[in-house]
């Protein structure tokens, strides 16, 4: 099973900063610019001045045991600045959902990315994502997934049994599955940790 490249996008310059969003993919040449495009396409839904720092490299990990095996890198990092105006609730925002075709432990393997905070006008009077905005986001997210052509993945971590005084024992190896669908939840999310 090929190793995975990990991209950690930093969040800066907003109430509640800093934050981080983590993504995994199997190749970097095509994938990296597409992640820049993703953030550029959705920046109007987030408070003006908020910055996403997309580093030009990151760690390479063995998906089976989670060990670091090296690094990947591009020419330079990129920063995208949000442009949304108006008030916002610092812990409230959007939840992006990444679907796969794999089943693990009786459940479909899927991933989530919490995009917090989003500006108030992203939501309707019932506190849900405005239907027109939701439709646009869903189109943008699925286009992003289609452009990556299977390179973005959801990684499920290995499970270790830990006993005091002994080395951890691998109970179940990790693995990953290609993301096939991208969408935004219609419900607002509330983020309790900036490391999700």
Protein backbone atom coordinates (compact mmCIF):
# COMPACT_ATOMS: atom_id res chain seq x y z
CA UNK A 1 0.00 0.00 0.00
CA UNK A 2 1.58 3.33 -1.06
CA UNK A 3 2.53 5.88 1.57
CA UNK A 4 0.38 8.97 2.14
CA UNK A 5 1.24 12.65 1.90
CA UNK A 6 -0.22 14.74 4.71
CA UNK A 7 -1.19 18.39 4.25
CA UNK A 8 -1.88 20.52 7.32
CA UNK A 9 -3.57 23.80 6.47
CA UNK A 10 -3.17 26.45 9.17
CA UNK A 11 -5.93 28.91 10.12
CA UNK A 12 -4.87 32.42 11.26
CA UNK A 13 -6.15 35.88 12.09
CA UNK A 14 -9.64 35.32 13.49
CA UNK A 15 -11.32 35.09 16.89
CA UNK A 16 -10.37 31.66 18.24
CA UNK A 17 -7.21 31.24 16.13
CA UNK A 18 -5.11 29.31 15.47
CA UNK A 19 -6.58 26.21 13.85
CA UNK A 20 -5.60 23.42 11.49
CA UNK A 21 -7.28 21.25 8.86
CA UNK A 22 -5.57 18.01 7.84
CA UNK A 23 -5.85 16.26 4.47
CA UNK A 24 -4.29 13.09 3.06
CA UNK A 25 -3.52 12.24 -0.55
CA UNK A 26 -1.50 9.77 -2.59
CA UNK A 27 0.30 12.19 -4.90
CA UNK A 28 1.31 15.82 -4.65
CA UNK A 29 1.98 17.29 -8.10
CA UNK A 30 -1.67 17.58 -9.14
CA UNK A 31 -3.25 17.47 -5.69
CA UNK A 32 -1.51 20.44 -4.08
CA UNK A 33 -2.74 23.13 -6.53
CA UNK A 34 -6.26 21.70 -6.33
CA UNK A 35 -6.34 22.24 -2.56
CA UNK A 36 -5.31 25.85 -3.13
CA UNK A 37 -8.21 26.18 -5.58
CA UNK A 38 -10.63 24.66 -3.05
CA UNK A 39 -9.90 27.30 -0.42
CA UNK A 40 -9.89 30.09 -3.01
CA UNK A 41 -13.34 29.02 -4.21
CA UNK A 42 -14.97 29.09 -0.76
CA UNK A 43 -13.24 32.12 0.78
CA UNK A 44 -16.30 34.40 0.51
CA UNK A 45 -18.11 32.38 3.21
CA UNK A 46 -15.52 33.11 5.90
CA UNK A 47 -14.63 36.29 7.84
CA UNK A 48 -12.62 38.87 5.95
CA UNK A 49 -8.97 38.74 6.99
CA UNK A 50 -9.01 35.08 8.07
CA UNK A 51 -6.03 33.39 6.47
CA UNK A 52 -5.42 29.82 5.40
CA UNK A 53 -1.72 29.04 5.23
CA UNK A 54 -1.21 26.11 2.87
CA UNK A 55 2.36 24.89 3.34
CA UNK A 56 4.40 23.83 0.35
CA UNK A 57 5.17 20.47 1.89
CA UNK A 58 4.46 18.08 4.71
CA UNK A 59 4.99 14.63 6.17
CA UNK A 60 4.81 11.31 4.39
CA UNK A 61 3.37 8.51 6.53
CA UNK A 62 3.06 4.75 6.36
CA UNK A 63 -0.71 4.22 6.41
CA UNK A 64 -0.43 0.75 7.95
CA UNK A 65 1.30 1.78 11.20
CA UNK A 66 1.22 5.59 11.14
CA UNK A 67 5.01 5.97 11.17
CA UNK A 68 6.65 8.96 9.49
CA UNK A 69 8.68 7.85 6.49
CA UNK A 70 9.76 11.14 4.96
CA UNK A 71 8.58 14.47 3.62
CA UNK A 72 7.11 15.89 0.44
CA UNK A 73 7.54 19.42 -0.86
CA UNK A 74 6.64 21.90 -3.56
CA UNK A 75 8.21 25.20 -4.58
CA UNK A 76 6.47 27.45 -2.04
CA UNK A 77 3.61 27.71 0.42
CA UNK A 78 0.45 29.65 -0.37
CA UNK A 79 -1.83 31.87 1.70
CA UNK A 80 -5.52 32.37 0.90
CA UNK A 81 -7.33 35.26 2.63
CA UNK A 82 -11.08 35.03 3.25
CA UNK A 83 -13.29 37.84 1.95
CA UNK A 84 -16.66 37.37 3.67
CA UNK A 85 -18.14 40.42 5.41
CA UNK A 86 -20.53 40.76 8.33
CA UNK A 87 -20.71 39.22 11.76
CA UNK A 88 -19.87 35.65 12.68
CA UNK A 89 -20.05 33.29 15.63
CA UNK A 90 -16.49 32.21 16.48
CA UNK A 91 -17.27 28.49 17.13
CA UNK A 92 -19.87 28.05 14.33
CA UNK A 93 -19.32 27.03 10.75
CA UNK A 94 -19.53 24.38 8.07
CA UNK A 95 -18.85 20.66 8.07
CA UNK A 96 -17.50 19.22 4.83
CA UNK A 97 -18.06 15.50 4.31
CA UNK A 98 -15.77 13.22 2.32
CA UNK A 99 -17.32 9.91 1.25
CA UNK A 100 -15.59 6.71 0.14
CA UNK A 101 -16.75 3.34 -1.13
CA UNK A 102 -15.11 1.31 1.65
CA UNK A 103 -16.63 -0.41 4.69
CA UNK A 104 -14.65 -0.63 7.95
CA UNK A 105 -15.91 -2.34 11.11
CA UNK A 106 -19.44 -2.36 9.74
CA UNK A 107 -19.46 1.34 8.84
CA UNK A 108 -18.75 3.24 5.64
CA UNK A 109 -15.35 4.92 5.86
CA UNK A 110 -15.82 8.69 5.63
CA UNK A 111 -14.06 11.86 6.64
CA UNK A 112 -15.04 15.32 7.85
CA UNK A 113 -13.43 18.74 7.71
CA UNK A 114 -14.74 21.43 10.04
CA UNK A 115 -14.60 24.89 8.46
CA UNK A 116 -15.07 27.27 11.37
CA UNK A 117 -15.94 30.12 11.61
CA UNK A 118 -18.29 30.93 8.73
CA UNK A 119 -19.96 34.31 8.36
CA UNK A 120 -23.57 34.73 9.46
CA UNK A 121 -24.96 35.26 5.97
CA UNK A 122 -23.95 31.69 5.10
CA UNK A 123 -26.94 30.53 7.16
CA UNK A 124 -30.68 31.04 6.77
CA UNK A 125 -33.14 32.25 9.41
CA UNK A 126 -33.44 28.69 10.78
CA UNK A 127 -29.70 28.38 11.42
CA UNK A 128 -29.07 25.99 8.55
CA UNK A 129 -26.81 26.57 5.56
CA UNK A 130 -28.67 28.76 3.07
CA UNK A 131 -30.01 26.42 0.33
CA UNK A 132 -28.51 28.40 -2.56
CA UNK A 133 -25.11 28.55 -0.85
CA UNK A 134 -25.34 24.85 0.01
CA UNK A 135 -25.99 23.93 -3.62
CA UNK A 136 -23.00 25.99 -4.76
CA UNK A 137 -20.73 24.48 -2.12
CA UNK A 138 -21.81 20.95 -2.99
CA UNK A 139 -21.00 21.57 -6.65
CA UNK A 140 -17.60 23.05 -5.79
CA UNK A 141 -16.74 20.19 -3.44
CA UNK A 142 -17.73 17.46 -5.90
CA UNK A 143 -15.79 19.21 -8.67
CA UNK A 144 -12.78 19.26 -6.33
CA UNK A 145 -13.12 15.52 -5.69
CA UNK A 146 -13.57 14.75 -9.38
CA UNK A 147 -10.48 16.80 -10.28
CA UNK A 148 -8.37 14.86 -7.80
CA UNK A 149 -9.42 11.61 -9.49
CA UNK A 150 -9.00 9.43 -6.40
CA UNK A 151 -5.84 11.08 -5.03
CA UNK A 152 -7.53 12.50 -1.91
CA UNK A 153 -8.15 9.78 0.65
CA UNK A 154 -9.66 9.17 4.05
CA UNK A 155 -7.14 7.46 6.31
CA UNK A 156 -8.21 5.27 9.21
CA UNK A 157 -5.50 5.09 11.79
CA UNK A 158 -4.05 1.84 13.11
CA UNK A 159 -5.21 0.64 16.51
CA UNK A 160 -2.66 -0.30 19.15
CA UNK A 161 -3.12 -2.17 22.43
CA UNK A 162 -1.22 -0.37 25.17
CA UNK A 163 -0.11 -1.99 28.41
CA UNK A 164 1.80 -0.21 31.16
CA UNK A 165 5.51 -1.03 30.97
CA UNK A 166 5.31 -2.65 27.54
CA UNK A 167 5.63 -1.50 23.97
CA UNK A 168 2.35 -0.89 22.13
CA UNK A 169 1.13 -3.90 20.15
CA UNK A 170 -0.50 -3.36 16.77
CA UNK A 171 -4.09 -4.64 17.00
CA UNK A 172 -5.36 -3.52 13.59
CA UNK A 173 -3.41 -2.03 10.74
CA UNK A 174 -4.42 1.29 9.26
CA UNK A 175 -5.49 1.87 5.70
CA UNK A 176 -7.22 4.32 3.45
CA UNK A 177 -9.80 4.68 0.72
CA UNK A 178 -10.15 7.18 -2.10
CA UNK A 179 -12.63 10.01 -1.63
CA UNK A 180 -15.44 9.64 -4.17
CA UNK A 181 -17.91 12.27 -2.93
CA UNK A 182 -17.60 15.72 -1.41
CA UNK A 183 -20.48 17.64 0.15
CA UNK A 184 -21.39 20.15 2.84
CA UNK A 185 -23.73 19.29 5.69
CA UNK A 186 -26.88 21.44 5.64
CA UNK A 187 -26.65 21.81 9.41
CA UNK A 188 -24.28 24.26 11.06
CA UNK A 189 -21.55 22.73 13.21
CA UNK A 190 -20.02 23.94 16.46
CA UNK A 191 -16.30 23.30 16.88
CA UNK A 192 -14.94 22.71 20.37
CA UNK A 193 -11.30 22.17 19.36
CA UNK A 194 -9.18 24.01 16.81
CA UNK A 195 -7.26 20.84 15.97
CA UNK A 196 -10.04 18.99 14.12
